[in-house]
N, C-alpha and C. Protein backbone atom coordinates (compact mmCIF):
# COMPACT_ATOMS: atom_id res chain seq x y z
N UNK A 1 124.40 78.69 76.24
CA UNK A 1 125.60 79.86 76.62
C UNK A 1 126.16 80.66 76.23
N UNK A 2 125.16 80.96 75.39
CA UNK A 2 126.05 82.42 74.68
C UNK A 2 125.74 83.69 76.42
N UNK A 3 124.58 83.53 76.81
CA UNK A 3 123.99 84.54 77.69
C UNK A 3 125.45 84.14 78.80
N UNK A 4 125.82 82.66 79.34
CA UNK A 4 126.55 83.31 80.09
C UNK A 4 128.29 83.46 79.97
N UNK A 5 128.54 83.21 78.17
CA UNK A 5 129.59 83.88 77.70
C UNK A 5 130.04 85.73 77.78
N UNK A 6 129.16 85.89 77.46
CA UNK A 6 128.23 87.12 77.28
C UNK A 6 128.68 88.15 79.36
N UNK A 7 128.11 86.64 80.16
CA UNK A 7 128.06 87.49 81.34
C UNK A 7 129.56 87.09 82.28
N UNK A 8 130.46 86.34 81.07
CA UNK A 8 131.89 85.92 81.95
C UNK A 8 131.81 84.59 82.70
N UNK A 9 131.07 84.20 82.57
CA UNK A 9 131.03 82.92 83.43
C UNK A 9 131.36 81.96 83.05
N UNK A 10 131.98 81.82 81.82
CA UNK A 10 132.72 80.52 81.32
C UNK A 10 134.70 80.49 80.61
N UNK A 11 135.12 79.42 81.31
CA UNK A 11 136.38 79.62 80.96
C UNK A 11 137.15 78.61 81.95
N UNK A 12 138.10 78.23 82.06
CA UNK A 12 139.29 77.66 82.88
C UNK A 12 138.96 78.30 84.44
N UNK A 13 138.87 78.98 84.62
CA UNK A 13 138.86 79.12 86.10
C UNK A 13 137.49 79.35 86.39
N UNK A 14 136.41 79.07 85.58
CA UNK A 14 135.08 79.05 85.97
C UNK A 14 134.47 78.46 86.47
N UNK A 15 133.43 78.21 87.81
CA UNK A 15 132.88 77.56 88.31
C UNK A 15 131.85 76.53 87.34
N UNK A 16 131.05 75.51 86.62
CA UNK A 16 130.25 75.49 85.79
C UNK A 16 128.93 75.72 86.93
N UNK A 17 128.91 75.99 88.04
CA UNK A 17 128.21 75.64 88.74
C UNK A 17 127.64 77.20 88.98
N UNK A 18 128.11 78.15 88.35
CA UNK A 18 128.29 79.37 88.97
C UNK A 18 127.49 79.83 87.50
N UNK A 19 126.80 79.13 86.41
CA UNK A 19 126.22 79.71 84.60
C UNK A 19 124.91 79.78 85.40
N UNK A 20 124.25 80.85 84.61
CA UNK A 20 122.82 80.78 84.93
C UNK A 20 122.30 79.85 83.72
N UNK A 21 120.74 79.62 84.23
CA UNK A 21 120.52 78.83 83.15
C UNK A 21 119.07 79.72 81.84
N UNK A 22 118.71 79.48 81.09
CA UNK A 22 117.90 80.07 80.31
C UNK A 22 117.05 79.68 79.72
N UNK A 23 115.34 80.22 79.94
CA UNK A 23 114.54 79.57 79.71
C UNK A 23 113.88 80.83 78.18
N UNK A 24 113.46 80.39 77.36
CA UNK A 24 113.51 80.99 75.64
C UNK A 24 111.66 80.31 75.43
N UNK A 25 111.20 81.54 75.81
CA UNK A 25 109.52 81.53 75.21
C UNK A 25 110.00 82.20 73.59
N UNK A 26 108.97 81.02 72.60
CA UNK A 26 108.89 82.01 71.35
C UNK A 26 107.46 81.48 71.02
N UNK A 27 107.10 81.40 69.49
CA UNK A 27 106.01 81.62 69.41
C UNK A 27 105.29 79.84 69.29
N UNK A 28 106.15 78.91 69.10
CA UNK A 28 106.12 78.12 68.69
C UNK A 28 106.09 76.91 70.05
N UNK A 29 107.25 77.47 70.22
CA UNK A 29 107.97 76.21 71.07
C UNK A 29 108.71 77.26 72.10
N UNK A 30 109.08 76.31 73.69
CA UNK A 30 109.35 77.27 74.43
C UNK A 30 111.11 76.48 74.91
N UNK A 31 112.06 76.61 75.16
CA UNK A 31 113.03 75.93 75.76
C UNK A 31 113.77 76.25 77.04
N UNK A 32 114.10 75.40 77.55
CA UNK A 32 115.02 75.40 78.60
C UNK A 32 116.55 74.86 79.01
N UNK A 33 117.30 75.23 79.79
CA UNK A 33 118.90 75.33 79.36
C UNK A 33 119.60 75.70 80.63
N UNK A 34 120.02 74.87 81.04
CA UNK A 34 120.34 75.02 82.65
C UNK A 34 121.68 73.63 83.05
N UNK A 35 122.06 74.19 83.98
CA UNK A 35 123.45 72.65 84.21
C UNK A 35 123.01 72.39 85.98
N UNK A 36 122.34 71.12 85.75
CA UNK A 36 122.18 70.74 86.81
C UNK A 36 123.02 70.75 87.98
N UNK A 37 122.40 70.85 89.54
CA UNK A 37 123.83 70.87 90.56
C UNK A 37 123.95 68.78 90.86
N UNK A 38 125.02 68.82 91.28
CA UNK A 38 125.11 67.59 91.79
C UNK A 38 126.11 66.64 90.82
N UNK A 39 126.19 65.36 90.57
CA UNK A 39 126.88 65.26 89.44
C UNK A 39 126.96 65.22 88.12
N UNK A 40 127.69 65.11 87.03
CA UNK A 40 127.44 65.35 85.65
C UNK A 40 125.98 64.91 85.06
N UNK A 41 125.21 65.87 84.30
CA UNK A 41 123.99 64.65 83.97
C UNK A 41 124.82 64.51 82.64
N UNK A 42 123.88 63.04 82.59
CA UNK A 42 123.75 62.14 81.43
C UNK A 42 122.66 61.94 81.02
N UNK A 43 121.22 62.29 81.92
CA UNK A 43 120.07 61.65 81.20
C UNK A 43 119.01 61.98 80.08
N UNK A 44 117.86 62.26 80.26
CA UNK A 44 117.46 62.44 78.93
C UNK A 44 117.18 64.00 78.57
N UNK A 45 117.40 64.54 77.45
CA UNK A 45 117.60 66.36 77.22
C UNK A 45 119.28 66.58 77.80
N UNK A 46 120.07 65.07 77.73
CA UNK A 46 121.73 65.59 78.34
C UNK A 46 122.41 66.63 77.18
N UNK A 47 122.77 67.85 77.36
CA UNK A 47 123.68 67.89 76.05
C UNK A 47 125.10 68.51 76.58
N UNK A 48 126.07 67.85 76.40
CA UNK A 48 127.44 67.82 77.16
C UNK A 48 128.42 68.28 75.67
N UNK A 49 129.03 69.29 76.18
CA UNK A 49 129.71 70.29 75.63
C UNK A 49 131.14 70.41 76.16
N UNK A 50 132.32 70.93 75.67
CA UNK A 50 133.27 71.37 76.26
C UNK A 50 133.86 72.51 75.59
N UNK A 51 133.82 73.59 76.14
CA UNK A 51 134.44 75.26 75.78
C UNK A 51 134.90 75.78 76.82
N UNK A 52 136.28 76.50 76.24
CA UNK A 52 137.60 76.62 76.69
C UNK A 52 138.34 75.82 77.21
N UNK A 53 137.90 74.21 77.21
CA UNK A 53 138.65 73.29 77.70
C UNK A 53 137.94 72.50 78.79
N UNK A 54 136.82 72.99 79.21
CA UNK A 54 136.24 72.78 80.57
C UNK A 54 134.99 72.13 79.74
N UNK A 55 134.65 71.03 80.62
CA UNK A 55 133.48 70.07 80.07
C UNK A 55 132.44 70.98 80.85
N UNK A 56 131.20 71.05 80.07
CA UNK A 56 129.44 71.08 80.73
C UNK A 56 128.97 70.38 80.53
N UNK A 57 127.67 70.27 81.60
CA UNK A 57 127.12 68.89 81.33
C UNK A 57 125.82 69.57 81.51
N UNK A 58 125.08 70.14 80.13
CA UNK A 58 123.96 70.46 80.32
C UNK A 58 122.81 69.78 80.61
N UNK A 59 121.77 69.97 80.92
CA UNK A 59 120.36 70.15 80.57
C UNK A 59 119.50 70.20 79.92
N UNK A 60 119.28 70.36 78.36
CA UNK A 60 118.54 71.14 77.73
C UNK A 60 117.53 70.55 76.73
N UNK A 61 116.22 71.13 76.66
CA UNK A 61 115.52 70.53 75.91
C UNK A 61 114.05 71.63 75.43
N UNK A 62 113.31 71.12 73.97
CA UNK A 62 112.70 72.39 72.92
C UNK A 62 111.53 71.41 73.53
N UNK A 63 110.32 72.12 73.98
CA UNK A 63 108.99 71.67 74.14
C UNK A 63 108.04 72.78 72.91
N UNK A 64 107.97 71.87 71.75
CA UNK A 64 107.07 72.50 70.73
C UNK A 64 105.52 72.17 71.05
N UNK A 65 105.33 72.75 70.47
CA UNK A 65 103.90 73.65 70.74
C UNK A 65 103.52 74.10 72.04
N UNK A 66 104.39 74.69 72.94
CA UNK A 66 104.19 75.23 74.19
C UNK A 66 104.69 76.55 73.87
N UNK A 67 105.02 77.17 72.77
CA UNK A 67 105.01 78.51 72.99
C UNK A 67 104.21 79.32 72.55
N UNK A 68 104.45 80.62 72.73
CA UNK A 68 103.25 81.41 73.06
C UNK A 68 102.08 81.71 72.60
N UNK A 69 101.92 81.88 70.76
CA UNK A 69 101.21 81.39 69.74
C UNK A 69 100.52 80.37 70.07
N UNK A 70 100.99 79.38 69.76
CA UNK A 70 100.71 78.04 69.92
C UNK A 70 99.96 77.65 71.29
N UNK A 71 100.61 77.89 72.06
CA UNK A 71 99.52 78.37 73.82
C UNK A 71 98.35 79.02 73.73
N UNK A 72 98.50 80.44 72.79
CA UNK A 72 97.33 81.01 72.64
C UNK A 72 95.91 80.04 72.12
N UNK A 73 96.64 80.05 70.56
CA UNK A 73 95.67 79.02 70.09
C UNK A 73 94.51 78.00 71.24
N UNK A 74 95.44 77.53 71.70
CA UNK A 74 95.18 76.18 72.43
C UNK A 74 94.07 77.05 73.38
N UNK A 75 94.52 77.62 73.88
CA UNK A 75 93.82 78.06 75.63
C UNK A 75 92.35 78.68 75.15
N UNK A 76 92.84 79.29 73.26
CA UNK A 76 91.04 80.04 73.05
C UNK A 76 90.01 79.32 72.63
N UNK A 77 90.87 77.59 72.12
CA UNK A 77 89.99 77.03 71.53
C UNK A 77 89.39 76.24 73.33
N UNK A 78 89.65 76.81 74.51
CA UNK A 78 89.47 75.44 75.55
C UNK A 78 88.04 76.46 76.43
N UNK A 79 88.49 78.01 76.16
CA UNK A 79 87.61 79.13 76.67
C UNK A 79 86.32 78.58 76.49
N UNK A 80 85.35 78.78 77.78
CA UNK A 80 84.05 78.45 77.62
C UNK A 80 83.85 79.70 76.95
N UNK A 81 82.05 78.96 76.42
CA UNK A 81 81.24 79.81 75.17
C UNK A 81 80.00 80.07 75.67
N UNK A 82 79.37 81.03 75.88
CA UNK A 82 77.92 81.38 75.86
C UNK A 82 77.63 82.34 74.83
N UNK A 83 76.90 81.89 73.85
CA UNK A 83 76.16 82.12 73.01
C UNK A 83 77.38 82.94 71.70
N UNK A 84 77.63 84.31 71.78
CA UNK A 84 79.06 84.58 70.58
C UNK A 84 80.06 84.96 71.46
N UNK A 85 80.03 85.38 72.86
CA UNK A 85 81.26 84.92 73.40
C UNK A 85 81.87 84.75 74.91
N UNK A 86 83.24 84.37 73.62
CA UNK A 86 83.90 83.41 74.25
C UNK A 86 85.00 83.86 75.64
N UNK A 87 84.62 83.56 76.48
CA UNK A 87 84.91 84.16 78.38
C UNK A 87 86.16 83.55 78.83
N UNK A 88 86.95 84.24 78.61
CA UNK A 88 88.79 84.06 78.32
C UNK A 88 89.25 84.25 80.38
N UNK A 89 89.29 83.40 81.16
CA UNK A 89 89.21 83.96 82.60
C UNK A 89 91.03 84.26 82.97
N UNK A 90 91.66 84.26 81.60
CA UNK A 90 93.63 85.15 81.77
C UNK A 90 93.50 86.38 81.16
N UNK A 91 92.45 87.24 81.30
CA UNK A 91 92.44 88.72 80.59
C UNK A 91 91.17 89.40 81.48
N UNK A 92 91.77 90.47 81.57
CA UNK A 92 91.30 90.96 83.01
C UNK A 92 90.19 90.94 82.55
N UNK A 93 89.30 91.31 83.34
CA UNK A 93 87.78 91.14 83.51
C UNK A 93 87.30 92.51 83.06
N UNK A 94 86.55 92.99 82.04
CA UNK A 94 85.73 93.83 80.91
C UNK A 94 86.77 93.98 79.36
N UNK A 95 87.71 92.85 79.22
CA UNK A 95 88.08 93.46 78.15
C UNK A 95 87.35 92.98 77.33
N UNK A 96 86.97 93.31 76.06
CA UNK A 96 86.42 92.56 74.96
C UNK A 96 87.30 93.22 73.69
N UNK A 97 87.27 92.30 72.76
CA UNK A 97 87.43 92.56 71.43
C UNK A 97 86.94 91.24 70.37
N UNK A 98 86.99 91.75 69.18
CA UNK A 98 86.40 90.96 68.17
C UNK A 98 87.15 89.26 68.38
N UNK A 99 86.20 88.11 67.91
CA UNK A 99 87.01 86.37 68.42
C UNK A 99 86.09 85.91 67.31
N UNK A 100 86.39 86.06 65.90
CA UNK A 100 86.03 84.99 65.34
C UNK A 100 84.60 85.54 64.19
N UNK A 101 83.85 84.80 64.50
CA UNK A 101 82.55 85.02 64.78
C UNK A 101 81.72 86.22 65.95
N UNK A 102 82.45 85.55 67.01
CA UNK A 102 82.18 86.38 67.92
C UNK A 102 82.65 87.35 69.20
N UNK A 103 83.43 87.60 69.96
CA UNK A 103 83.68 88.32 70.37
C UNK A 103 84.82 87.86 72.11
N UNK A 104 85.87 88.22 72.37
CA UNK A 104 86.47 87.55 72.64
C UNK A 104 86.48 88.44 74.07
N UNK A 105 85.74 87.98 75.38
CA UNK A 105 85.57 88.56 76.47
C UNK A 105 86.53 88.20 77.80
N UNK A 106 86.95 88.99 78.63
CA UNK A 106 88.03 88.71 80.02
C UNK A 106 86.81 89.06 81.01
N UNK A 107 87.46 88.20 81.53
CA UNK A 107 86.53 87.53 83.11
C UNK A 107 87.46 88.12 84.02
N UNK A 108 88.61 87.80 84.21
CA UNK A 108 89.66 88.39 85.03
C UNK A 108 89.67 87.07 86.28
N UNK A 109 89.56 85.58 86.44
CA UNK A 109 89.98 85.02 87.44
C UNK A 109 90.84 84.42 87.19
N UNK A 110 91.90 84.57 88.24
CA UNK A 110 93.01 83.92 88.34
C UNK A 110 92.90 82.56 88.61
N UNK A 111 92.13 81.79 89.69
CA UNK A 111 91.71 80.60 90.14
C UNK A 111 91.90 79.64 88.71
N UNK A 112 90.68 80.08 88.05
CA UNK A 112 89.97 79.57 86.84
C UNK A 112 91.53 79.41 85.38
N UNK A 113 91.68 80.53 85.41
CA UNK A 113 93.51 80.66 84.51
C UNK A 113 94.14 79.43 85.27
N UNK A 114 94.57 79.93 86.12
CA UNK A 114 95.59 78.71 86.55
C UNK A 114 95.20 77.48 86.20
N UNK A 115 93.81 76.57 86.57
CA UNK A 115 93.49 75.53 86.30
C UNK A 115 93.56 75.23 85.27
N UNK A 116 93.10 76.34 84.05
CA UNK A 116 93.16 76.13 82.22
C UNK A 116 94.20 76.16 81.92
N UNK A 117 95.24 77.03 82.51
CA UNK A 117 96.95 76.90 81.89
C UNK A 117 97.85 75.52 82.48
N UNK A 118 97.53 74.61 84.22
CA UNK A 118 97.77 73.79 84.18
C UNK A 118 97.34 72.41 83.56
N UNK A 119 96.24 72.62 83.30
CA UNK A 119 95.60 71.69 81.78
C UNK A 119 96.58 71.78 80.63
N UNK A 120 96.39 73.06 79.91
CA UNK A 120 96.87 73.66 78.58
C UNK A 120 98.87 72.99 78.83
N UNK A 121 99.83 72.92 79.92
CA UNK A 121 100.27 72.16 79.89
C UNK A 121 100.20 70.99 80.13
N UNK A 122 99.62 70.81 80.89
CA UNK A 122 99.80 69.06 80.72
C UNK A 122 100.57 68.94 82.18
N UNK A 123 101.06 69.71 83.46
CA UNK A 123 101.18 69.72 84.38
C UNK A 123 100.65 69.26 85.09
N UNK A 124 101.10 67.84 85.70
CA UNK A 124 100.95 66.96 86.63
C UNK A 124 101.91 67.04 88.33
N UNK A 125 101.51 66.88 89.28
CA UNK A 125 102.64 67.22 90.66
C UNK A 125 103.65 66.03 90.15
N UNK A 126 105.18 67.00 90.50
CA UNK A 126 105.98 66.81 90.52
C UNK A 126 106.74 66.41 88.44
N UNK A 127 105.81 67.07 88.23
CA UNK A 127 105.88 66.94 86.39
C UNK A 127 106.15 68.47 86.24
N UNK A 128 107.36 68.76 84.76
CA UNK A 128 107.10 69.70 83.98
C UNK A 128 106.15 69.96 82.82
N UNK A 129 106.61 70.68 81.90
CA UNK A 129 105.55 70.97 80.70
C UNK A 129 105.23 69.24 80.16
N UNK A 130 104.79 69.34 79.50
CA UNK A 130 103.93 68.34 78.69
C UNK A 130 104.29 66.98 79.92
N UNK A 131 104.11 66.84 81.52
CA UNK A 131 104.25 65.78 82.03
C UNK A 131 105.78 65.09 82.37
N UNK A 132 106.65 65.92 81.35
CA UNK A 132 107.69 65.25 81.20
C UNK A 132 109.08 65.92 83.20
N UNK A 133 110.00 64.79 82.99
CA UNK A 133 110.48 64.93 84.27
C UNK A 133 112.10 65.65 84.29
N UNK A 134 112.28 67.02 84.79
CA UNK A 134 113.30 67.73 84.19
C UNK A 134 114.26 67.39 85.69
N UNK A 135 116.01 67.95 85.60
CA UNK A 135 116.10 67.93 87.14
C UNK A 135 115.88 68.97 87.68
N UNK A 136 116.05 68.96 88.68
CA UNK A 136 115.92 69.78 89.82
C UNK A 136 116.78 71.39 89.38
N UNK A 137 115.96 72.69 89.23
CA UNK A 137 116.03 73.40 88.94
C UNK A 137 116.88 73.98 90.25
N UNK A 138 118.01 75.19 89.14
CA UNK A 138 118.97 74.99 90.58
C UNK A 138 119.43 77.13 90.11
N UNK A 139 120.03 77.46 91.10
CA UNK A 139 120.37 78.91 90.64
C UNK A 139 119.57 80.20 89.54
N UNK A 140 120.47 80.79 89.51
CA UNK A 140 119.52 81.99 88.49
C UNK A 140 119.25 81.90 87.18
N UNK A 141 118.17 81.84 85.90
CA UNK A 141 117.80 81.96 85.02
C UNK A 141 117.52 83.65 84.32
N UNK A 142 117.99 83.26 83.42
CA UNK A 142 117.61 83.99 82.48
C UNK A 142 116.36 84.27 81.74
N UNK A 143 114.97 84.55 81.73
CA UNK A 143 114.03 84.65 80.48
C UNK A 143 114.64 85.51 78.86
N UNK A 144 113.54 85.03 77.93
CA UNK A 144 113.20 85.45 77.29
C UNK A 144 112.64 85.81 76.18
N UNK A 145 112.28 86.28 75.67
CA UNK A 145 110.70 86.42 74.43
C UNK A 145 111.09 86.96 73.53
N UNK A 146 110.29 86.56 72.36
CA UNK A 146 109.83 87.29 71.08
C UNK A 146 110.71 88.09 70.35
N UNK A 147 111.79 87.09 70.16
CA UNK A 147 112.89 87.54 69.47
C UNK A 147 112.27 87.30 68.13
N UNK A 148 112.54 86.48 67.48
CA UNK A 148 111.54 86.51 66.21
C UNK A 148 110.65 87.90 65.68
N UNK A 149 109.65 87.88 66.72
CA UNK A 149 108.80 88.58 66.29
C UNK A 149 109.59 90.24 66.20
N UNK A 150 110.90 89.94 67.06
CA UNK A 150 111.59 91.80 67.25
C UNK A 150 111.97 91.59 65.64
N UNK A 151 112.90 90.67 65.32
CA UNK A 151 113.59 90.94 63.90
C UNK A 151 113.29 91.46 63.23
N UNK A 152 111.69 90.68 63.16
CA UNK A 152 110.67 91.02 61.99
C UNK A 152 110.45 92.17 62.04
N UNK A 153 110.37 92.91 62.96
CA UNK A 153 109.87 93.89 63.32
C UNK A 153 110.75 95.18 62.35
N UNK A 154 112.20 94.76 62.71
CA UNK A 154 113.35 95.83 62.43
C UNK A 154 114.04 95.33 61.07
N UNK A 155 114.04 93.95 60.91
CA UNK A 155 114.54 93.76 59.21
C UNK A 155 113.11 93.18 58.28
């Protein structure tokens, strides 16, 4: 709700459906929060609150293990290995970097990367991360990432 407050989208004369949703990609988890359209949401992941006298019926959920660092660890463990080379289709072709006792080699194969990411995120038809079901997405979303890493460098 912080971004909505900063954008001036909250208050008694504001339509809750004019708010924006958020996607927060952290190191160990990722979060999503938004107000679904239609009837007030009361399902799994409901986070209902009142601000400035206005009720907001949110969907908010955190997916532990699906942050960028944890996802990268799982992806690295699943890439094909040829000898001492770990072949990563999600990294540009020709990239090479030391990796464990071997070397990480980028193959730049978008189709293979997409398939690996779908498996990694456990996405099936009609589902979201880890096979979960979420309300239909609507409106504008603001995405942010790496806030922890930013503050660790600054402070």
